[in-house]
């Protein structure tokens, strides 16, 4: 599943093309892409046609595009394999294309925005905007203190200027679950998935099954610093791409996969101590760690 860096790469790529653009036509090719939308495909098309998109915002793994003249926004979640691609107007229908916007931008002219999703776990929806609890801008890419209802329960991510560091420490200190499980809880801290949890825990030298409430303040600070550093580097490298599903708006792959230290490196020597990286089953997925550098306490 795309995590914060991959979703932020998509947001940043869409921003100059969609902000200020008018949706001249909205076409739903597959209603399965509207699983989070409460109305019909026809209502989705009618509500967006002729409207102007005023921002491209993100919190954690969610994107949203406020609709001018309303208190509504288009919310996007990429699911396992969703993509949002920019194409020339009239471009042929892509394989697995679910929704298309034909837009006109005052500077860039005509473009098409395609929502493509092979596994159909992603979705678009039009949702109401609500004031943020803390009164700060709702997320990256917007100055509005309004967040879609579907995103309101999602915590801020560690790269958000309004991220509550004190709350992060409180949540980790009070939970008896394994620390990796806590990192993956999007109501505690958003944007972190399996890849970056493994990478941050490796960087912080913490075993993924260490009980969160056993971590010292110093360990929690080291972990948060590792999360920020890993995410920042992944963003600079365009995210992690293992196959053609993880691409930016132009269909280009990121190259952070070449910088991974733990995730997907089972049996490969740890770059710190040369002990083979170990993989274990975790929540229907896998955890990767160094059994020497990340000893469980």
C-alpha atoms as a PDB file:
ATOM      1  CA  UNK A   1       0.000   0.000   0.000  1.00  0.00           C
ATOM      2  CA  UNK A   2       1.319   3.480  -0.805  1.00  0.00           C
ATOM      3  CA  UNK A   3       2.528   5.210   2.359  1.00  0.00           C
ATOM      4  CA  UNK A   4       3.123   8.872   3.160  1.00  0.00           C
ATOM      5  CA  UNK A   5       6.066   9.457   0.788  1.00  0.00           C
ATOM      6  CA  UNK A   6       4.315   7.828  -2.166  1.00  0.00           C
ATOM      7  CA  UNK A   7       1.052   9.711  -1.541  1.00  0.00           C
ATOM      8  CA  UNK A   8       2.895  13.007  -1.030  1.00  0.00           C
ATOM      9  CA  UNK A   9       4.711  12.509  -4.339  1.00  0.00           C
ATOM     10  CA  UNK A  10       1.301  12.152  -6.012  1.00  0.00           C
ATOM     11  CA  UNK A  11      -0.099  15.212  -4.195  1.00  0.00           C
ATOM     12  CA  UNK A  12       2.865  17.389  -5.123  1.00  0.00           C
ATOM     13  CA  UNK A  13       2.644  16.251  -8.742  1.00  0.00           C
ATOM     14  CA  UNK A  14      -1.064  17.008  -8.999  1.00  0.00           C
ATOM     15  CA  UNK A  15      -0.937  20.360  -7.202  1.00  0.00           C
ATOM     16  CA  UNK A  16       0.252  22.619 -10.044  1.00  0.00           C
ATOM     17  CA  UNK A  17      -2.107  20.941 -12.504  1.00  0.00           C
ATOM     18  CA  UNK A  18      -5.349  20.855 -10.511  1.00  0.00           C
ATOM     19  CA  UNK A  19      -5.302  23.878  -8.197  1.00  0.00           C
ATOM     20  CA  UNK A  20      -7.412  26.512  -9.931  1.00  0.00           C
ATOM     21  CA  UNK A  21      -8.554  24.066 -12.604  1.00  0.00           C
ATOM     22  CA  UNK A  22     -12.185  23.636 -13.638  1.00  0.00           C
ATOM     23  CA  UNK A  23     -13.544  20.106 -14.066  1.00  0.00           C
ATOM     24  CA  UNK A  24     -15.246  20.360 -17.448  1.00  0.00           C
ATOM     25  CA  UNK A  25     -16.273  16.711 -17.445  1.00  0.00           C
ATOM     26  CA  UNK A  26     -16.272  13.972 -14.818  1.00  0.00           C
ATOM     27  CA  UNK A  27     -16.703  10.403 -16.033  1.00  0.00           C
ATOM     28  CA  UNK A  28     -17.176   7.390 -13.760  1.00  0.00           C
ATOM     29  CA  UNK A  29     -16.167   4.279 -15.667  1.00  0.00           C
ATOM     30  CA  UNK A  30     -16.427   1.869 -12.717  1.00  0.00           C
ATOM     31  CA  UNK A  31     -18.697   2.451  -9.710  1.00  0.00           C
ATOM     32  CA  UNK A  32     -16.427   0.299  -7.535  1.00  0.00           C
ATOM     33  CA  UNK A  33     -14.141   3.330  -7.324  1.00  0.00           C
ATOM     34  CA  UNK A  34     -16.856   5.140  -5.333  1.00  0.00           C
ATOM     35  CA  UNK A  35     -17.128   2.775  -2.352  1.00  0.00           C
ATOM     36  CA  UNK A  36     -16.574   5.676   0.087  1.00  0.00           C
ATOM     37  CA  UNK A  37     -19.001   7.971  -1.747  1.00  0.00           C
ATOM     38  CA  UNK A  38     -22.508   8.089  -0.254  1.00  0.00           C
ATOM     39  CA  UNK A  39     -24.270   9.048  -3.495  1.00  0.00           C
ATOM     40  CA  UNK A  40     -24.602   7.475  -6.919  1.00  0.00           C
ATOM     41  CA  UNK A  41     -22.080   7.678  -9.769  1.00  0.00           C
ATOM     42  CA  UNK A  42     -24.423  10.156 -11.479  1.00  0.00           C
ATOM     43  CA  UNK A  43     -24.486  12.394  -8.398  1.00  0.00           C
ATOM     44  CA  UNK A  44     -20.688  12.257  -8.195  1.00  0.00           C
ATOM     45  CA  UNK A  45     -20.400  13.374 -11.827  1.00  0.00           C
ATOM     46  CA  UNK A  46     -23.010  16.126 -11.456  1.00  0.00           C
ATOM     47  CA  UNK A  47     -21.526  17.537  -8.263  1.00  0.00           C
ATOM     48  CA  UNK A  48     -18.053  17.938  -9.756  1.00  0.00           C
ATOM     49  CA  UNK A  49     -18.799  18.977 -13.324  1.00  0.00           C
ATOM     50  CA  UNK A  50     -18.168  22.703 -13.760  1.00  0.00           C
ATOM     51  CA  UNK A  51     -16.524  23.050 -10.347  1.00  0.00           C
ATOM     52  CA  UNK A  52     -13.101  24.517  -9.543  1.00  0.00           C
ATOM     53  CA  UNK A  53     -10.565  22.644  -7.404  1.00  0.00           C
ATOM     54  CA  UNK A  54      -8.939  25.046  -4.924  1.00  0.00           C
ATOM     55  CA  UNK A  55      -6.186  22.930  -3.320  1.00  0.00           C
ATOM     56  CA  UNK A  56      -4.449  19.552  -3.311  1.00  0.00           C
ATOM     57  CA  UNK A  57      -4.189  18.506   0.326  1.00  0.00           C
ATOM     58  CA  UNK A  58      -2.930  15.453   2.199  1.00  0.00           C
ATOM     59  CA  UNK A  59      -3.019  14.038   5.690  1.00  0.00           C
ATOM     60  CA  UNK A  60      -1.296  10.702   6.165  1.00  0.00           C
ATOM     61  CA  UNK A  61      -2.325   8.472   3.264  1.00  0.00           C
ATOM     62  CA  UNK A  62      -5.451  10.494   2.343  1.00  0.00           C
ATOM     63  CA  UNK A  63      -5.664  13.141  -0.373  1.00  0.00           C
ATOM     64  CA  UNK A  64      -8.428  15.674  -0.806  1.00  0.00           C
ATOM     65  CA  UNK A  65      -9.305  18.459  -3.236  1.00  0.00           C
ATOM     66  CA  UNK A  66     -11.599  21.204  -1.880  1.00  0.00           C
ATOM     67  CA  UNK A  67     -14.353  22.210  -4.292  1.00  0.00           C
ATOM     68  CA  UNK A  68     -14.694  25.967  -4.818  1.00  0.00           C
ATOM     69  CA  UNK A  69     -17.930  27.631  -3.716  1.00  0.00           C
ATOM     70  CA  UNK A  70     -18.859  24.724  -1.427  1.00  0.00           C
ATOM     71  CA  UNK A  71     -17.917  23.232   1.934  1.00  0.00           C
ATOM     72  CA  UNK A  72     -17.132  19.935   0.217  1.00  0.00           C
ATOM     73  CA  UNK A  73     -14.034  18.188  -1.106  1.00  0.00           C
ATOM     74  CA  UNK A  74     -13.133  15.195  -3.238  1.00  0.00           C
ATOM     75  CA  UNK A  75     -11.396  12.666  -0.979  1.00  0.00           C
ATOM     76  CA  UNK A  76      -9.010  10.130  -2.509  1.00  0.00           C
ATOM     77  CA  UNK A  77      -7.523   7.017  -0.962  1.00  0.00           C
ATOM     78  CA  UNK A  78      -5.210   4.985  -3.175  1.00  0.00           C
ATOM     79  CA  UNK A  79      -5.792   1.687  -1.388  1.00  0.00           C
ATOM     80  CA  UNK A  80      -3.383  -1.051  -2.459  1.00  0.00           C
ATOM     81  CA  UNK A  81      -2.776  -0.088  -6.070  1.00  0.00           C
ATOM     82  CA  UNK A  82      -4.478   3.208  -6.825  1.00  0.00           C
ATOM     83  CA  UNK A  83      -2.832   5.803  -9.057  1.00  0.00           C
ATOM     84  CA  UNK A  84      -3.732   9.347 -10.037  1.00  0.00           C
ATOM     85  CA  UNK A  85      -2.178  10.139 -13.407  1.00  0.00           C
ATOM     86  CA  UNK A  86      -1.963  13.243 -15.578  1.00  0.00           C
ATOM     87  CA  UNK A  87      -2.536  12.726 -19.283  1.00  0.00           C
ATOM     88  CA  UNK A  88      -3.025  14.815 -22.394  1.00  0.00           C
ATOM     89  CA  UNK A  89      -6.677  15.572 -23.212  1.00  0.00           C
ATOM     90  CA  UNK A  90      -8.324  12.795 -25.152  1.00  0.00           C
ATOM     91  CA  UNK A  91      -5.680  10.244 -24.135  1.00  0.00           C
ATOM     92  CA  UNK A  92      -6.772   6.620 -24.646  1.00  0.00           C
ATOM     93  CA  UNK A  93      -8.448   4.905 -21.710  1.00  0.00           C
ATOM     94  CA  UNK A  94      -5.872   3.264 -19.456  1.00  0.00           C
ATOM     95  CA  UNK A  95      -6.146  -0.337 -18.372  1.00  0.00           C
ATOM     96  CA  UNK A  96      -7.894  -0.362 -14.953  1.00  0.00           C
ATOM     97  CA  UNK A  97      -8.991   3.265 -15.373  1.00  0.00           C
ATOM     98  CA  UNK A  98     -11.966   3.895 -13.059  1.00  0.00           C
ATOM     99  CA  UNK A  99     -12.640   7.656 -13.103  1.00  0.00           C
ATOM    100  CA  UNK A 100     -11.527  10.499 -15.362  1.00  0.00           C
ATOM    101  CA  UNK A 101     -11.650  14.269 -14.933  1.00  0.00           C
ATOM    102  CA  UNK A 102     -11.231  16.440 -18.003  1.00  0.00           C
ATOM    103  CA  UNK A 103      -9.955  19.722 -16.602  1.00  0.00           C
ATOM    104  CA  UNK A 104      -8.997  23.164 -17.859  1.00  0.00           C
ATOM    105  CA  UNK A 105      -6.305  25.087 -15.989  1.00  0.00           C
ATOM    106  CA  UNK A 106      -5.900  28.857 -16.489  1.00  0.00           C
ATOM    107  CA  UNK A 107      -2.157  28.446 -17.135  1.00  0.00           C
ATOM    108  CA  UNK A 108      -1.680  24.868 -18.318  1.00  0.00           C
ATOM    109  CA  UNK A 109      -4.753  24.486 -20.457  1.00  0.00           C
ATOM    110  CA  UNK A 110      -6.544  21.180 -20.960  1.00  0.00           C
ATOM    111  CA  UNK A 111      -5.491  18.027 -19.097  1.00  0.00           C
ATOM    112  CA  UNK A 112      -7.022  14.757 -17.995  1.00  0.00           C
ATOM    113  CA  UNK A 113      -6.720  13.383 -14.456  1.00  0.00           C
ATOM    114  CA  UNK A 114      -7.130   9.614 -14.320  1.00  0.00           C
ATOM    115  CA  UNK A 115      -7.883   7.489 -11.273  1.00  0.00           C
ATOM    116  CA  UNK A 116      -6.482   4.062 -12.119  1.00  0.00           C
ATOM    117  CA  UNK A 117      -6.745   1.121  -9.733  1.00  0.00           C
ATOM    118  CA  UNK A 118      -5.938  -2.482 -10.542  1.00  0.00           C
ATOM    119  CA  UNK A 119      -7.206  -4.078  -7.326  1.00  0.00           C
ATOM    120  CA  UNK A 120     -10.167  -1.691  -6.790  1.00  0.00           C
ATOM    121  CA  UNK A 121      -9.421  -1.127  -3.083  1.00  0.00           C
ATOM    122  CA  UNK A 122      -8.894   2.613  -3.649  1.00  0.00           C
ATOM    123  CA  UNK A 123     -11.711   5.113  -3.972  1.00  0.00           C
ATOM    124  CA  UNK A 124     -12.843   8.690  -4.556  1.00  0.00           C
ATOM    125  CA  UNK A 125     -15.701  10.368  -2.704  1.00  0.00           C
ATOM    126  CA  UNK A 126     -17.205  13.807  -2.227  1.00  0.00           C
ATOM    127  CA  UNK A 127     -17.403  14.605   1.470  1.00  0.00           C
ATOM    128  CA  UNK A 128     -18.226  17.504   3.810  1.00  0.00           C
ATOM    129  CA  UNK A 129     -15.430  19.588   5.308  1.00  0.00           C
ATOM    130  CA  UNK A 130     -15.287  20.094   9.087  1.00  0.00           C
ATOM    131  CA  UNK A 131     -13.168  22.393  11.304  1.00  0.00           C
ATOM    132  CA  UNK A 132      -9.954  20.820  12.589  1.00  0.00           C
ATOM    133  CA  UNK A 133      -9.911  20.059  16.317  1.00  0.00           C
ATOM    134  CA  UNK A 134      -6.684  21.976  16.909  1.00  0.00           C
ATOM    135  CA  UNK A 135      -7.561  24.920  14.663  1.00  0.00           C
ATOM    136  CA  UNK A 136      -4.448  24.447  12.529  1.00  0.00           C
ATOM    137  CA  UNK A 137      -4.289  23.925   8.761  1.00  0.00           C
ATOM    138  CA  UNK A 138      -5.718  20.497   8.030  1.00  0.00           C
ATOM    139  CA  UNK A 139      -2.705  19.041   6.243  1.00  0.00           C
ATOM    140  CA  UNK A 140       0.003  19.427   3.649  1.00  0.00           C
ATOM    141  CA  UNK A 141      -1.013  21.579   0.696  1.00  0.00           C
ATOM    142  CA  UNK A 142      -3.784  23.602   2.348  1.00  0.00           C
ATOM    143  CA  UNK A 143      -4.031  26.631   4.607  1.00  0.00           C
ATOM    144  CA  UNK A 144      -7.644  25.833   5.500  1.00  0.00           C
ATOM    145  CA  UNK A 145      -8.398  24.552   8.996  1.00  0.00           C
ATOM    146  CA  UNK A 146     -11.009  22.203   7.502  1.00  0.00           C
ATOM    147  CA  UNK A 147     -10.719  18.471   6.995  1.00  0.00           C
ATOM    148  CA  UNK A 148     -13.082  15.992   5.285  1.00  0.00           C
ATOM    149  CA  UNK A 149     -15.205  13.952   7.660  1.00  0.00           C
ATOM    150  CA  UNK A 150     -13.664  10.732   6.336  1.00  0.00           C
ATOM    151  CA  UNK A 151     -10.197  11.981   7.293  1.00  0.00           C
ATOM    152  CA  UNK A 152     -10.987  13.687  10.619  1.00  0.00           C
ATOM    153  CA  UNK A 153     -10.120  10.605  12.708  1.00  0.00           C
ATOM    154  CA  UNK A 154      -6.673  10.302  11.103  1.00  0.00           C
ATOM    155  CA  UNK A 155      -3.822  11.660  13.213  1.00  0.00           C
ATOM    156  CA  UNK A 156      -1.376  14.166  11.783  1.00  0.00           C
ATOM    157  CA  UNK A 157       1.820  12.775  10.291  1.00  0.00           C
ATOM    158  CA  UNK A 158       5.346  13.473  11.586  1.00  0.00           C
ATOM    159  CA  UNK A 159       6.130  15.843   8.691  1.00  0.00           C
ATOM    160  CA  UNK A 160       3.102  18.044   9.460  1.00  0.00           C
ATOM    161  CA  UNK A 161       4.102  21.349  11.156  1.00  0.00           C
ATOM    162  CA  UNK A 162       1.125  20.878  13.502  1.00  0.00           C
ATOM    163  CA  UNK A 163       2.156  17.332  14.510  1.00  0.00           C
ATOM    164  CA  UNK A 164       1.691  16.959  18.278  1.00  0.00           C
ATOM    165  CA  UNK A 165       4.968  15.526  19.566  1.00  0.00           C
ATOM    166  CA  UNK A 166       3.708  15.410  23.164  1.00  0.00           C
ATOM    167  CA  UNK A 167       0.683  13.351  22.117  1.00  0.00           C
ATOM    168  CA  UNK A 168       2.954  10.968  20.218  1.00  0.00           C
ATOM    169  CA  UNK A 169       4.970  10.328  23.382  1.00  0.00           C
ATOM    170  CA  UNK A 170       1.825   9.916  25.504  1.00  0.00           C
ATOM    171  CA  UNK A 171       0.293   7.399  23.097  1.00  0.00           C
ATOM    172  CA  UNK A 172       3.439   5.288  22.891  1.00  0.00           C
ATOM    173  CA  UNK A 173       3.959   5.416  26.662  1.00  0.00           C
ATOM    174  CA  UNK A 174       0.444   4.212  27.506  1.00  0.00           C
ATOM    175  CA  UNK A 175       0.101   1.331  25.034  1.00  0.00           C
ATOM    176  CA  UNK A 176       1.197  -2.203  25.881  1.00  0.00           C
ATOM    177  CA  UNK A 177       1.153  -3.354  22.232  1.00  0.00           C
ATOM    178  CA  UNK A 178       4.259  -4.004  20.166  1.00  0.00           C
ATOM    179  CA  UNK A 179       5.739  -0.711  19.026  1.00  0.00           C
ATOM    180  CA  UNK A 180       5.382  -1.534  15.330  1.00  0.00           C
ATOM    181  CA  UNK A 181       1.664  -2.153  15.782  1.00  0.00           C
ATOM    182  CA  UNK A 182       1.360   1.272  17.428  1.00  0.00           C
ATOM    183  CA  UNK A 183       3.260   2.965  14.598  1.00  0.00           C
ATOM    184  CA  UNK A 184       0.812   1.470  12.101  1.00  0.00           C
ATOM    185  CA  UNK A 185      -2.215   2.812  13.997  1.00  0.00           C
ATOM    186  CA  UNK A 186      -3.274   5.786  11.867  1.00  0.00           C
ATOM    187  CA  UNK A 187      -5.130   7.349  14.811  1.00  0.00           C
ATOM    188  CA  UNK A 188      -1.814   7.621  16.693  1.00  0.00           C
ATOM    189  CA  UNK A 189       0.454   8.781  13.871  1.00  0.00           C
ATOM    190  CA  UNK A 190      -0.477   8.735  10.193  1.00  0.00           C
ATOM    191  CA  UNK A 191       1.345   7.917   6.996  1.00  0.00           C
ATOM    192  CA  UNK A 192       3.474   5.066   8.318  1.00  0.00           C
ATOM    193  CA  UNK A 193       2.974   1.639   6.756  1.00  0.00           C
ATOM    194  CA  UNK A 194       4.855  -1.616   6.798  1.00  0.00           C
ATOM    195  CA  UNK A 195       7.868  -0.389   4.797  1.00  0.00           C
ATOM    196  CA  UNK A 196       8.672   2.740   6.761  1.00  0.00           C
ATOM    197  CA  UNK A 197       7.871   1.188  10.133  1.00  0.00           C
ATOM    198  CA  UNK A 198      10.524  -1.473   9.469  1.00  0.00           C
ATOM    199  CA  UNK A 199      12.993   1.125   8.214  1.00  0.00           C
ATOM    200  CA  UNK A 200      12.487   3.503  11.155  1.00  0.00           C
ATOM    201  CA  UNK A 201      12.713   0.729  13.741  1.00  0.00           C
ATOM    202  CA  UNK A 202      15.926  -0.507  12.136  1.00  0.00           C
ATOM    203  CA  UNK A 203      17.387   3.012  12.186  1.00  0.00           C
ATOM    204  CA  UNK A 204      16.366   3.427  15.849  1.00  0.00           C
ATOM    205  CA  UNK A 205      17.684  -0.066  16.776  1.00  0.00           C
ATOM    206  CA  UNK A 206      14.330  -1.105  18.257  1.00  0.00           C
ATOM    207  CA  UNK A 207      12.813  -4.568  17.867  1.00  0.00           C
ATOM    208  CA  UNK A 208       9.337  -4.323  16.261  1.00  0.00           C
ATOM    209  CA  UNK A 209       7.726  -6.409  19.021  1.00  0.00           C
ATOM    210  CA  UNK A 210       9.128  -4.333  21.883  1.00  0.00           C
ATOM    211  CA  UNK A 211       6.226  -3.273  24.071  1.00  0.00           C
ATOM    212  CA  UNK A 212       5.547   0.367  23.335  1.00  0.00           C
ATOM    213  CA  UNK A 213       5.027   1.284  26.993  1.00  0.00           C
ATOM    214  CA  UNK A 214       8.484  -0.078  27.873  1.00  0.00           C
ATOM    215  CA  UNK A 215      10.321   2.429  25.701  1.00  0.00           C
ATOM    216  CA  UNK A 216      12.191   5.178  27.481  1.00  0.00           C
ATOM    217  CA  UNK A 217      11.697   8.819  26.551  1.00  0.00           C
ATOM    218  CA  UNK A 218      15.097   8.720  24.843  1.00  0.00           C
ATOM    219  CA  UNK A 219      14.107   5.683  22.792  1.00  0.00           C
ATOM    220  CA  UNK A 220      10.830   7.312  21.733  1.00  0.00           C
ATOM    221  CA  UNK A 221      12.695  10.455  20.688  1.00  0.00           C
ATOM    222  CA  UNK A 222      15.181   8.381  18.722  1.00  0.00           C
ATOM    223  CA  UNK A 223      12.327   6.521  17.023  1.00  0.00           C
ATOM    224  CA  UNK A 224      10.489   9.711  16.047  1.00  0.00           C
ATOM    225  CA  UNK A 225      13.705  11.197  14.659  1.00  0.00           C
ATOM    226  CA  UNK A 226      14.228   8.002  12.646  1.00  0.00           C
ATOM    227  CA  UNK A 227      10.670   8.146  11.256  1.00  0.00           C
ATOM    228  CA  UNK A 228      11.172  11.747  10.132  1.00  0.00           C
ATOM    229  CA  UNK A 229      14.582  11.016   8.600  1.00  0.00           C
ATOM    230  CA  UNK A 230      13.380   7.932   6.710  1.00  0.00           C
ATOM    231  CA  UNK A 231      10.259   9.692   5.394  1.00  0.00           C
ATOM    232  CA  UNK A 232      12.232  12.762   4.347  1.00  0.00           C
ATOM    233  CA  UNK A 233      14.778  10.697   2.445  1.00  0.00           C
ATOM    234  CA  UNK A 234      12.070   8.606   0.784  1.00  0.00           C
ATOM    235  CA  UNK A 235      10.306  11.783  -0.358  1.00  0.00           C
ATOM    236  CA  UNK A 236      13.524  13.120  -1.843  1.00  0.00           C
ATOM    237  CA  UNK A 237      13.914   9.881  -3.797  1.00  0.00           C
ATOM    238  CA  UNK A 238      10.338   9.785  -5.091  1.00  0.00           C
ATOM    239  CA  UNK A 239       9.066   7.085  -2.738  1.00  0.00           C
ATOM    240  CA  UNK A 240       9.471   3.324  -2.876  1.00  0.00           C
ATOM    241  CA  UNK A 241       8.550   1.501  -6.093  1.00  0.00           C
ATOM    242  CA  UNK A 242       8.692  -2.287  -6.288  1.00  0.00           C
ATOM    243  CA  UNK A 243       6.512  -2.583  -9.385  1.00  0.00           C
ATOM    244  CA  UNK A 244       4.557  -0.493 -11.878  1.00  0.00           C
ATOM    245  CA  UNK A 245       1.766   0.222  -9.371  1.00  0.00           C
ATOM    246  CA  UNK A 246       3.817   2.693  -7.298  1.00  0.00           C
ATOM    247  CA  UNK A 247       4.381   5.653  -9.605  1.00  0.00           C
ATOM    248  CA  UNK A 248       4.037   9.417  -9.651  1.00  0.00           C
ATOM    249  CA  UNK A 249       1.458  11.336 -11.724  1.00  0.00           C
ATOM    250  CA  UNK A 250       3.595  10.921 -14.853  1.00  0.00           C
ATOM    251  CA  UNK A 251       3.948   7.168 -14.365  1.00  0.00           C
ATOM    252  CA  UNK A 252       7.560   7.333 -13.153  1.00  0.00           C
ATOM    253  CA  UNK A 253       8.827   5.071 -10.367  1.00  0.00           C
ATOM    254  CA  UNK A 254      10.565   6.244  -7.219  1.00  0.00           C
ATOM    255  CA  UNK A 255      13.944   4.803  -6.274  1.00  0.00           C
ATOM    256  CA  UNK A 256      13.976   4.671  -2.454  1.00  0.00           C
ATOM    257  CA  UNK A 257      13.847   0.865  -2.755  1.00  0.00           C
ATOM    258  CA  UNK A 258      17.603   1.062  -3.364  1.00  0.00           C
ATOM    259  CA  UNK A 259      18.049   2.727   0.030  1.00  0.00           C
ATOM    260  CA  UNK A 260      16.118   0.203   2.134  1.00  0.00           C
ATOM    261  CA  UNK A 261      18.041  -1.251   5.060  1.00  0.00           C
ATOM    262  CA  UNK A 262      15.548  -3.792   6.451  1.00  0.00           C
ATOM    263  CA  UNK A 263      12.289  -4.110   4.531  1.00  0.00           C
ATOM    264  CA  UNK A 264      12.393  -6.836   1.883  1.00  0.00           C
ATOM    265  CA  UNK A 265      16.010  -7.719   2.687  1.00  0.00           C
ATOM    266  CA  UNK A 266      15.548 -11.114   4.332  1.00  0.00           C
ATOM    267  CA  UNK A 267      18.858 -13.013   4.453  1.00  0.00           C
ATOM    268  CA  UNK A 268      20.924 -10.021   3.317  1.00  0.00           C
ATOM    269  CA  UNK A 269      23.638  -8.861   5.745  1.00  0.00           C
ATOM    270  CA  UNK A 270      22.735  -5.861   7.899  1.00  0.00           C
ATOM    271  CA  UNK A 271      24.747  -2.847   6.757  1.00  0.00           C
ATOM    272  CA  UNK A 272      25.710  -2.111  10.392  1.00  0.00           C
ATOM    273  CA  UNK A 273      26.746  -5.497  11.778  1.00  0.00           C
ATOM    274  CA  UNK A 274      26.534  -7.934   8.823  1.00  0.00           C
ATOM    275  CA  UNK A 275      24.027 -10.183  10.611  1.00  0.00           C
ATOM    276  CA  UNK A 276      21.429 -11.531   8.174  1.00  0.00           C
ATOM    277  CA  UNK A 277      18.176  -9.556   8.182  1.00  0.00           C
ATOM    278  CA  UNK A 278      15.330 -11.688   9.527  1.00  0.00           C
ATOM    279  CA  UNK A 279      11.723 -11.787   8.368  1.00  0.00           C
ATOM    280  CA  UNK A 280       8.821 -12.883  10.611  1.00  0.00           C
ATOM    281  CA  UNK A 281       5.066 -12.997  10.101  1.00  0.00           C
ATOM    282  CA  UNK A 282       3.225  -9.901  11.314  1.00  0.00           C
ATOM    283  CA  UNK A 283      -0.506  -9.066  10.972  1.00  0.00           C
ATOM    284  CA  UNK A 284      -0.886 -10.979   7.677  1.00  0.00           C
ATOM    285  CA  UNK A 285       2.260  -9.229   6.473  1.00  0.00           C
ATOM    286  CA  UNK A 286       5.923  -9.396   7.454  1.00  0.00           C
ATOM    287  CA  UNK A 287       8.371  -7.627   9.712  1.00  0.00           C
ATOM    288  CA  UNK A 288      12.021  -7.277   8.764  1.00  0.00           C
ATOM    289  CA  UNK A 289      14.701  -6.526  11.343  1.00  0.00           C
ATOM    290  CA  UNK A 290      18.268  -7.227  12.366  1.00  0.00           C
ATOM    291  CA  UNK A 291      18.287  -9.792  15.223  1.00  0.00           C
ATOM    292  CA  UNK A 292      21.553  -8.377  16.540  1.00  0.00           C
ATOM    293  CA  UNK A 293      21.061  -4.608  16.197  1.00  0.00           C
ATOM    294  CA  UNK A 294      17.406  -4.780  17.203  1.00  0.00           C
ATOM    295  CA  UNK A 295      17.426  -7.202  20.103  1.00  0.00           C
ATOM    296  CA  UNK A 296      14.120  -7.596  21.880  1.00  0.00           C
ATOM    297  CA  UNK A 297      14.242  -6.472  25.492  1.00  0.00           C
END
